[in-house]
Amino acid sequence: MTALSKEHRKLLENTVAQVRAIAVKGATTVLRDQFAVGEPSAWPHMSPAECALRSELRAHGRQLGDKRDSHRNTQELGHLIQACAYEHWHRMLFARFLAENDLLLDTEHGMAMSLDEIRELAREQQRDWQELAAELAQRMLLSVFRPEDPVLRVTLPQETRLELEAKLESLPAQIFTADDSLGWVYQFWQRDEKKRINDSEVKIAADELPAVTQLFTEDSRPSVAPTTAFSIKSGRPDPNALR
């Protein structure tokens, strides 16, 4: 059994904490400024497809706990922004875990692809290799990264994607092949939020519960749990998550 070294655990912790801030900023920009999710109505220039996605995003936000002002038709964005940031980062992260363990499949041919093969294919398609890997991972993990999830159908700003890709690229391969890495990921994602809540001494309600205790209410449960797609001990995907 290979566990994370103290140095690598600290590196993963700091990187994930930084990533959350980057992803939240990008999610805020796309949901607030591009899709006008919190506004009373869509922007005039939005296409019918964008308006339809906006409606799905608003409905999803309410499902997560964002409240709509019935008089002004404005809507909170907090829960939706966090979900969008979480899903996009973890899709990238899971792709790297799969690739580093030679488990990322070309779903068309059912063949495992090495990182070198993914990078070569990305060069042929003139795409970023991590973007391609995330796309392949989503096809493998349809029960984890659901195609119908509206937050995964928005595109984060290019600068956000580049920052996230750089952070992911900065992590050494040993982190992704260690047996306990995924067990730390969610704790590190919630690190700063947990500290904020604990320091504020607010009463723990449904919104604060996941960060402080790692327990979930039905509405607060993330769709990507760190152990959903992998067995931490074996480093192999859970076959129930692959379809």
C-alpha atoms as a PDB file:
ATOM      1  CA  MET A   1       0.000   0.000   0.000  1.00  0.00           C
ATOM      2  CA  THR A   2       1.398   3.365  -1.057  1.00  0.00           C
ATOM      3  CA  ALA A   3       0.259   6.359   0.971  1.00  0.00           C
ATOM      4  CA  LEU A   4       0.792  10.016   0.194  1.00  0.00           C
ATOM      5  CA  SER A   5       3.994  11.421   1.592  1.00  0.00           C
ATOM      6  CA  LYS A   6       3.657  14.366   3.952  1.00  0.00           C
ATOM      7  CA  GLU A   7       5.065  16.633   1.250  1.00  0.00           C
ATOM      8  CA  HIS A   8       2.629  15.422  -1.407  1.00  0.00           C
ATOM      9  CA  ARG A   9      -0.332  15.587   0.956  1.00  0.00           C
ATOM     10  CA  LYS A  10       0.441  19.218   1.737  1.00  0.00           C
ATOM     11  CA  LEU A  11       0.895  19.984  -1.948  1.00  0.00           C
ATOM     12  CA  LEU A  12      -2.466  18.388  -2.759  1.00  0.00           C
ATOM     13  CA  GLU A  13      -4.148  20.272   0.087  1.00  0.00           C
ATOM     14  CA  ASN A  14      -2.862  23.672  -0.992  1.00  0.00           C
ATOM     15  CA  THR A  15      -3.566  23.022  -4.660  1.00  0.00           C
ATOM     16  CA  VAL A  16      -7.160  21.905  -4.075  1.00  0.00           C
ATOM     17  CA  ALA A  17      -7.826  24.905  -1.840  1.00  0.00           C
ATOM     18  CA  GLN A  18      -6.459  27.244  -4.527  1.00  0.00           C
ATOM     19  CA  VAL A  19      -8.421  25.444  -7.212  1.00  0.00           C
ATOM     20  CA  ARG A  20     -11.715  25.952  -5.394  1.00  0.00           C
ATOM     21  CA  ALA A  21     -11.240  29.733  -5.421  1.00  0.00           C
ATOM     22  CA  ILE A  22     -10.335  29.682  -9.129  1.00  0.00           C
ATOM     23  CA  ALA A  23     -13.253  27.455 -10.088  1.00  0.00           C
ATOM     24  CA  VAL A  24     -15.757  29.448  -8.022  1.00  0.00           C
ATOM     25  CA  LYS A  25     -14.628  32.688  -9.655  1.00  0.00           C
ATOM     26  CA  GLY A  26     -15.028  31.189 -13.129  1.00  0.00           C
ATOM     27  CA  ALA A  27     -18.397  29.640 -12.304  1.00  0.00           C
ATOM     28  CA  THR A  28     -19.620  32.984 -10.956  1.00  0.00           C
ATOM     29  CA  THR A  29     -18.622  34.723 -14.178  1.00  0.00           C
ATOM     30  CA  VAL A  30     -20.341  32.263 -16.499  1.00  0.00           C
ATOM     31  CA  LEU A  31     -23.532  31.834 -14.457  1.00  0.00           C
ATOM     32  CA  ARG A  32     -23.996  35.471 -13.477  1.00  0.00           C
ATOM     33  CA  ASP A  33     -22.614  37.365 -16.463  1.00  0.00           C
ATOM     34  CA  GLN A  34     -23.085  35.002 -19.408  1.00  0.00           C
ATOM     35  CA  PHE A  35     -26.303  33.201 -18.502  1.00  0.00           C
ATOM     36  CA  ALA A  36     -27.930  35.826 -16.251  1.00  0.00           C
ATOM     37  CA  VAL A  37     -29.119  33.078 -13.932  1.00  0.00           C
ATOM     38  CA  GLY A  38     -29.737  35.466 -11.064  1.00  0.00           C
ATOM     39  CA  GLU A  39     -31.456  38.119 -13.188  1.00  0.00           C
ATOM     40  CA  PRO A  40     -35.223  38.511 -13.676  1.00  0.00           C
ATOM     41  CA  SER A  41     -34.903  37.605 -17.355  1.00  0.00           C
ATOM     42  CA  ALA A  42     -32.380  36.424 -19.922  1.00  0.00           C
ATOM     43  CA  TRP A  43     -30.081  38.862 -21.697  1.00  0.00           C
ATOM     44  CA  PRO A  44     -31.627  40.106 -24.978  1.00  0.00           C
ATOM     45  CA  HIS A  45     -28.784  38.681 -27.074  1.00  0.00           C
ATOM     46  CA  MET A  46     -29.109  35.133 -25.751  1.00  0.00           C
ATOM     47  CA  SER A  47     -30.082  32.415 -28.213  1.00  0.00           C
ATOM     48  CA  PRO A  48     -33.097  30.125 -27.648  1.00  0.00           C
ATOM     49  CA  ALA A  49     -30.718  27.297 -26.688  1.00  0.00           C
ATOM     50  CA  GLU A  50     -28.965  29.515 -24.134  1.00  0.00           C
ATOM     51  CA  CYS A  51     -32.305  30.640 -22.718  1.00  0.00           C
ATOM     52  CA  ALA A  52     -33.394  27.019 -22.359  1.00  0.00           C
ATOM     53  CA  LEU A  53     -30.162  26.136 -20.551  1.00  0.00           C
ATOM     54  CA  ARG A  54     -30.599  29.194 -18.320  1.00  0.00           C
ATOM     55  CA  SER A  55     -34.027  27.906 -17.292  1.00  0.00           C
ATOM     56  CA  GLU A  56     -32.514  24.506 -16.461  1.00  0.00           C
ATOM     57  CA  LEU A  57     -29.759  26.164 -14.446  1.00  0.00           C
ATOM     58  CA  ARG A  58     -32.278  28.190 -12.452  1.00  0.00           C
ATOM     59  CA  ALA A  59     -34.364  25.089 -11.746  1.00  0.00           C
ATOM     60  CA  HIS A  60     -31.267  23.168 -10.689  1.00  0.00           C
ATOM     61  CA  GLY A  61     -30.194  26.034  -8.433  1.00  0.00           C
ATOM     62  CA  ARG A  62     -33.561  26.000  -6.666  1.00  0.00           C
ATOM     63  CA  GLN A  63     -33.264  22.252  -6.252  1.00  0.00           C
ATOM     64  CA  LEU A  64     -29.891  22.788  -4.566  1.00  0.00           C
ATOM     65  CA  GLY A  65     -31.296  25.442  -2.226  1.00  0.00           C
ATOM     66  CA  ASP A  66     -31.019  28.780  -4.052  1.00  0.00           C
ATOM     67  CA  LYS A  67     -34.097  30.896  -3.354  1.00  0.00           C
ATOM     68  CA  ARG A  68     -36.085  32.781  -5.989  1.00  0.00           C
ATOM     69  CA  ASP A  69     -37.687  36.130  -5.223  1.00  0.00           C
ATOM     70  CA  SER A  70     -41.205  35.596  -6.532  1.00  0.00           C
ATOM     71  CA  HIS A  71     -41.865  39.354  -6.784  1.00  0.00           C
ATOM     72  CA  ARG A  72     -38.743  40.406  -8.686  1.00  0.00           C
ATOM     73  CA  ASN A  73     -37.997  36.994 -10.262  1.00  0.00           C
ATOM     74  CA  THR A  74     -34.353  37.256  -9.203  1.00  0.00           C
ATOM     75  CA  GLN A  75     -32.616  34.215  -7.789  1.00  0.00           C
ATOM     76  CA  GLU A  76     -29.728  33.431  -5.492  1.00  0.00           C
ATOM     77  CA  LEU A  77     -26.656  31.840  -7.062  1.00  0.00           C
ATOM     78  CA  GLY A  78     -24.593  30.511  -4.156  1.00  0.00           C
ATOM     79  CA  HIS A  79     -25.458  26.832  -4.313  1.00  0.00           C
ATOM     80  CA  LEU A  80     -25.374  26.677  -8.106  1.00  0.00           C
ATOM     81  CA  ILE A  81     -21.973  28.365  -8.276  1.00  0.00           C
ATOM     82  CA  GLN A  82     -20.485  25.905  -5.801  1.00  0.00           C
ATOM     83  CA  ALA A  83     -21.969  22.940  -7.681  1.00  0.00           C
ATOM     84  CA  CYS A  84     -20.627  24.219 -11.007  1.00  0.00           C
ATOM     85  CA  ALA A  85     -17.131  24.757  -9.611  1.00  0.00           C
ATOM     86  CA  TYR A  86     -17.135  21.361  -7.897  1.00  0.00           C
ATOM     87  CA  GLU A  87     -18.335  19.357 -10.891  1.00  0.00           C
ATOM     88  CA  HIS A  88     -15.958  20.911 -13.431  1.00  0.00           C
ATOM     89  CA  TRP A  89     -12.870  20.498 -11.253  1.00  0.00           C
ATOM     90  CA  HIS A  90     -13.655  16.959 -10.192  1.00  0.00           C
ATOM     91  CA  ARG A  91     -14.309  15.845 -13.759  1.00  0.00           C
ATOM     92  CA  MET A  92     -10.783  17.010 -14.598  1.00  0.00           C
ATOM     93  CA  LEU A  93      -9.367  15.459 -11.454  1.00  0.00           C
ATOM     94  CA  PHE A  94     -11.007  12.069 -12.014  1.00  0.00           C
ATOM     95  CA  ALA A  95      -9.716  12.056 -15.579  1.00  0.00           C
ATOM     96  CA  ARG A  96      -6.165  12.469 -14.299  1.00  0.00           C
ATOM     97  CA  PHE A  97      -6.666   9.680 -11.735  1.00  0.00           C
ATOM     98  CA  LEU A  98      -7.930   7.363 -14.452  1.00  0.00           C
ATOM     99  CA  ALA A  99      -5.148   8.274 -16.855  1.00  0.00           C
ATOM    100  CA  GLU A 100      -2.339   7.903 -14.321  1.00  0.00           C
ATOM    101  CA  ASN A 101      -3.636   4.420 -13.412  1.00  0.00           C
ATOM    102  CA  ASP A 102      -3.988   3.357 -17.078  1.00  0.00           C
ATOM    103  CA  LEU A 103      -7.749   3.168 -16.688  1.00  0.00           C
ATOM    104  CA  LEU A 104      -8.877   5.912 -19.047  1.00  0.00           C
ATOM    105  CA  LEU A 105     -10.644   4.192 -21.916  1.00  0.00           C
ATOM    106  CA  ASP A 106     -11.220   5.048 -25.514  1.00  0.00           C
ATOM    107  CA  THR A 107     -14.927   4.222 -25.243  1.00  0.00           C
ATOM    108  CA  GLU A 108     -15.253   3.803 -29.003  1.00  0.00           C
ATOM    109  CA  HIS A 109     -12.773   0.915 -29.048  1.00  0.00           C
ATOM    110  CA  GLY A 110     -12.788  -0.131 -25.378  1.00  0.00           C
ATOM    111  CA  MET A 111      -9.017   0.236 -25.116  1.00  0.00           C
ATOM    112  CA  ALA A 112      -7.104   1.778 -22.205  1.00  0.00           C
ATOM    113  CA  MET A 113      -5.128   4.867 -23.198  1.00  0.00           C
ATOM    114  CA  SER A 114      -1.842   5.881 -21.626  1.00  0.00           C
ATOM    115  CA  LEU A 115      -1.077   9.510 -20.895  1.00  0.00           C
ATOM    116  CA  ASP A 116       1.301   9.581 -23.850  1.00  0.00           C
ATOM    117  CA  GLU A 117      -1.454   8.277 -26.143  1.00  0.00           C
ATOM    118  CA  ILE A 118      -3.924  10.852 -24.824  1.00  0.00           C
ATOM    119  CA  ARG A 119      -1.415  13.648 -25.383  1.00  0.00           C
ATOM    120  CA  GLU A 120      -0.704  12.386 -28.917  1.00  0.00           C
ATOM    121  CA  LEU A 121      -4.420  12.224 -29.736  1.00  0.00           C
ATOM    122  CA  ALA A 122      -4.911  15.715 -28.305  1.00  0.00           C
ATOM    123  CA  ARG A 123      -2.115  17.059 -30.514  1.00  0.00           C
ATOM    124  CA  GLU A 124      -3.737  15.443 -33.558  1.00  0.00           C
ATOM    125  CA  GLN A 125      -7.060  17.074 -32.665  1.00  0.00           C
ATOM    126  CA  GLN A 126      -5.353  20.352 -31.691  1.00  0.00           C
ATOM    127  CA  ARG A 127      -6.889  20.175 -28.235  1.00  0.00           C
ATOM    128  CA  ASP A 128      -5.621  20.380 -24.685  1.00  0.00           C
ATOM    129  CA  TRP A 129      -4.924  16.853 -23.451  1.00  0.00           C
ATOM    130  CA  GLN A 130      -6.593  17.424 -20.073  1.00  0.00           C
ATOM    131  CA  GLU A 131      -9.758  18.665 -21.764  1.00  0.00           C
ATOM    132  CA  LEU A 132      -9.784  15.520 -23.898  1.00  0.00           C
ATOM    133  CA  ALA A 133      -9.124  13.327 -20.865  1.00  0.00           C
ATOM    134  CA  ALA A 134     -12.026  14.946 -18.991  1.00  0.00           C
ATOM    135  CA  GLU A 135     -14.320  14.252 -21.941  1.00  0.00           C
ATOM    136  CA  LEU A 136     -13.283  10.587 -22.024  1.00  0.00           C
ATOM    137  CA  ALA A 137     -13.724  10.306 -18.253  1.00  0.00           C
ATOM    138  CA  GLN A 138     -17.253  11.697 -18.446  1.00  0.00           C
ATOM    139  CA  ARG A 139     -18.176   9.086 -21.064  1.00  0.00           C
ATOM    140  CA  MET A 140     -16.889   6.368 -18.739  1.00  0.00           C
ATOM    141  CA  LEU A 141     -18.527   7.721 -15.593  1.00  0.00           C
ATOM    142  CA  LEU A 142     -22.012   8.604 -16.782  1.00  0.00           C
ATOM    143  CA  SER A 143     -23.508   7.868 -13.376  1.00  0.00           C
ATOM    144  CA  VAL A 144     -21.052  10.302 -11.770  1.00  0.00           C
ATOM    145  CA  PHE A 145     -20.823  13.114 -14.335  1.00  0.00           C
ATOM    146  CA  ARG A 146     -24.349  13.017 -15.700  1.00  0.00           C
ATOM    147  CA  PRO A 147     -24.678  14.311 -19.268  1.00  0.00           C
ATOM    148  CA  GLU A 148     -27.973  15.988 -18.386  1.00  0.00           C
ATOM    149  CA  ASP A 149     -26.419  17.974 -15.512  1.00  0.00           C
ATOM    150  CA  PRO A 150     -26.821  21.624 -16.601  1.00  0.00           C
ATOM    151  CA  VAL A 151     -23.713  22.846 -14.777  1.00  0.00           C
ATOM    152  CA  LEU A 152     -21.560  20.527 -16.888  1.00  0.00           C
ATOM    153  CA  ARG A 153     -23.132  21.885 -20.059  1.00  0.00           C
ATOM    154  CA  VAL A 154     -21.793  25.372 -19.442  1.00  0.00           C
ATOM    155  CA  THR A 155     -18.225  26.181 -20.437  1.00  0.00           C
ATOM    156  CA  LEU A 156     -16.039  27.886 -17.886  1.00  0.00           C
ATOM    157  CA  PRO A 157     -14.122  30.962 -19.121  1.00  0.00           C
ATOM    158  CA  GLN A 158     -10.941  30.120 -20.999  1.00  0.00           C
ATOM    159  CA  GLU A 159      -8.737  31.788 -18.395  1.00  0.00           C
ATOM    160  CA  THR A 160     -10.371  29.678 -15.685  1.00  0.00           C
ATOM    161  CA  ARG A 161      -9.854  26.460 -17.637  1.00  0.00           C
ATOM    162  CA  LEU A 162      -6.208  27.328 -18.265  1.00  0.00           C
ATOM    163  CA  GLU A 163      -5.628  28.038 -14.567  1.00  0.00           C
ATOM    164  CA  LEU A 164      -7.300  24.793 -13.516  1.00  0.00           C
ATOM    165  CA  GLU A 165      -5.345  22.804 -16.085  1.00  0.00           C
ATOM    166  CA  ALA A 166      -2.089  24.370 -14.893  1.00  0.00           C
ATOM    167  CA  LYS A 167      -2.892  23.484 -11.277  1.00  0.00           C
ATOM    168  CA  LEU A 168      -3.728  19.912 -12.241  1.00  0.00           C
ATOM    169  CA  GLU A 169      -0.587  19.619 -14.344  1.00  0.00           C
ATOM    170  CA  SER A 170       1.519  20.830 -11.399  1.00  0.00           C
ATOM    171  CA  LEU A 171       0.620  17.764  -9.326  1.00  0.00           C
ATOM    172  CA  PRO A 172       3.116  14.898  -9.679  1.00  0.00           C
ATOM    173  CA  ALA A 173       2.011  11.453 -10.836  1.00  0.00           C
ATOM    174  CA  GLN A 174       2.744   9.937  -7.408  1.00  0.00           C
ATOM    175  CA  ILE A 175      -0.269  11.754  -5.983  1.00  0.00           C
ATOM    176  CA  PHE A 176      -2.595   9.994  -8.400  1.00  0.00           C
ATOM    177  CA  THR A 177      -1.198   6.536  -7.816  1.00  0.00           C
ATOM    178  CA  ALA A 178      -1.199   6.713  -4.002  1.00  0.00           C
ATOM    179  CA  ASP A 179      -3.903   4.635  -2.326  1.00  0.00           C
ATOM    180  CA  ASP A 180      -5.232   7.360  -0.041  1.00  0.00           C
ATOM    181  CA  SER A 181      -5.285  10.402  -2.342  1.00  0.00           C
ATOM    182  CA  LEU A 182      -8.988  10.410  -3.113  1.00  0.00           C
ATOM    183  CA  GLY A 183      -9.767  10.055   0.558  1.00  0.00           C
ATOM    184  CA  TRP A 184      -8.215  13.484   1.118  1.00  0.00           C
ATOM    185  CA  VAL A 185      -9.656  15.316  -1.886  1.00  0.00           C
ATOM    186  CA  TYR A 186     -13.054  16.282  -0.475  1.00  0.00           C
ATOM    187  CA  GLN A 187     -11.571  17.253   2.895  1.00  0.00           C
ATOM    188  CA  PHE A 188      -9.141  19.604   1.161  1.00  0.00           C
ATOM    189  CA  TRP A 189     -11.911  21.041  -1.045  1.00  0.00           C
ATOM    190  CA  GLN A 190     -13.840  21.967   2.107  1.00  0.00           C
ATOM    191  CA  ARG A 191     -10.814  23.135   4.124  1.00  0.00           C
ATOM    192  CA  ASP A 192     -11.268  26.890   3.924  1.00  0.00           C
ATOM    193  CA  GLU A 193     -15.066  26.735   4.146  1.00  0.00           C
ATOM    194  CA  LYS A 194     -14.833  24.535   7.234  1.00  0.00           C
ATOM    195  CA  LYS A 195     -12.458  27.012   8.864  1.00  0.00           C
ATOM    196  CA  ARG A 196     -14.733  29.933   7.988  1.00  0.00           C
ATOM    197  CA  ILE A 197     -17.757  28.225   9.526  1.00  0.00           C
ATOM    198  CA  ASN A 198     -15.905  27.130  12.644  1.00  0.00           C
ATOM    199  CA  ASP A 199     -14.430  30.597  13.157  1.00  0.00           C
ATOM    200  CA  SER A 200     -17.836  32.248  12.720  1.00  0.00           C
ATOM    201  CA  GLU A 201     -19.401  30.036  15.408  1.00  0.00           C
ATOM    202  CA  VAL A 202     -22.691  30.042  13.498  1.00  0.00           C
ATOM    203  CA  LYS A 203     -25.302  27.426  14.222  1.00  0.00           C
ATOM    204  CA  ILE A 204     -24.693  24.436  11.953  1.00  0.00           C
ATOM    205  CA  ALA A 205     -27.562  24.120   9.480  1.00  0.00           C
ATOM    206  CA  ALA A 206     -28.009  22.127   6.264  1.00  0.00           C
ATOM    207  CA  ASP A 207     -25.784  24.459   4.229  1.00  0.00           C
ATOM    208  CA  GLU A 208     -22.909  24.203   6.715  1.00  0.00           C
ATOM    209  CA  LEU A 209     -23.214  20.483   7.424  1.00  0.00           C
ATOM    210  CA  PRO A 210     -21.153  19.097   4.490  1.00  0.00           C
ATOM    211  CA  ALA A 211     -18.166  21.364   5.122  1.00  0.00           C
ATOM    212  CA  VAL A 212     -17.999  20.778   8.858  1.00  0.00           C
ATOM    213  CA  THR A 213     -18.902  17.108   9.186  1.00  0.00           C
ATOM    214  CA  GLN A 214     -18.672  15.634   5.649  1.00  0.00           C
ATOM    215  CA  LEU A 215     -22.228  14.409   6.139  1.00  0.00           C
ATOM    216  CA  PHE A 216     -24.869  15.408   3.627  1.00  0.00           C
ATOM    217  CA  THR A 217     -28.510  16.300   3.495  1.00  0.00           C
ATOM    218  CA  GLU A 218     -30.291  15.155   0.347  1.00  0.00           C
ATOM    219  CA  ASP A 219     -30.046  18.585  -1.327  1.00  0.00           C
ATOM    220  CA  SER A 220     -26.449  19.247  -0.279  1.00  0.00           C
ATOM    221  CA  ARG A 221     -25.031  15.891  -1.380  1.00  0.00           C
ATOM    222  CA  PRO A 222     -22.413  16.406  -4.139  1.00  0.00           C
ATOM    223  CA  SER A 223     -22.935  14.236  -7.193  1.00  0.00           C
ATOM    224  CA  VAL A 224     -19.213  13.477  -7.263  1.00  0.00           C
ATOM    225  CA  ALA A 225     -18.156  11.729  -4.077  1.00  0.00           C
ATOM    226  CA  PRO A 226     -14.400  11.074  -3.868  1.00  0.00           C
ATOM    227  CA  THR A 227     -14.814   7.312  -3.570  1.00  0.00           C
ATOM    228  CA  THR A 228     -17.666   6.872  -6.036  1.00  0.00           C
ATOM    229  CA  ALA A 229     -15.630   5.939  -9.071  1.00  0.00           C
ATOM    230  CA  PHE A 230     -12.647   4.365  -7.375  1.00  0.00           C
ATOM    231  CA  SER A 231     -11.775   1.855  -4.752  1.00  0.00           C
ATOM    232  CA  ILE A 232      -9.208   3.717  -2.655  1.00  0.00           C
ATOM    233  CA  LYS A 233      -7.534   0.503  -1.612  1.00  0.00           C
ATOM    234  CA  SER A 234      -7.208  -1.022  -5.045  1.00  0.00           C
ATOM    235  CA  GLY A 235      -6.951   2.121  -7.151  1.00  0.00           C
ATOM    236  CA  ARG A 236      -9.497   0.604  -9.541  1.00  0.00           C
ATOM    237  CA  PRO A 237     -12.799   2.037 -10.728  1.00  0.00           C
ATOM    238  CA  ASP A 238     -15.979   0.895  -9.076  1.00  0.00           C
ATOM    239  CA  PRO A 239     -17.690  -1.158 -11.807  1.00  0.00           C
ATOM    240  CA  ASN A 240     -21.069   0.109 -10.612  1.00  0.00           C
ATOM    241  CA  ALA A 241     -19.972   3.626 -11.543  1.00  0.00           C
ATOM    242  CA  LEU A 242     -18.837   2.665 -15.038  1.00  0.00           C
ATOM    243  CA  ARG A 243     -21.399   2.126 -17.719  1.00  0.00           C
END
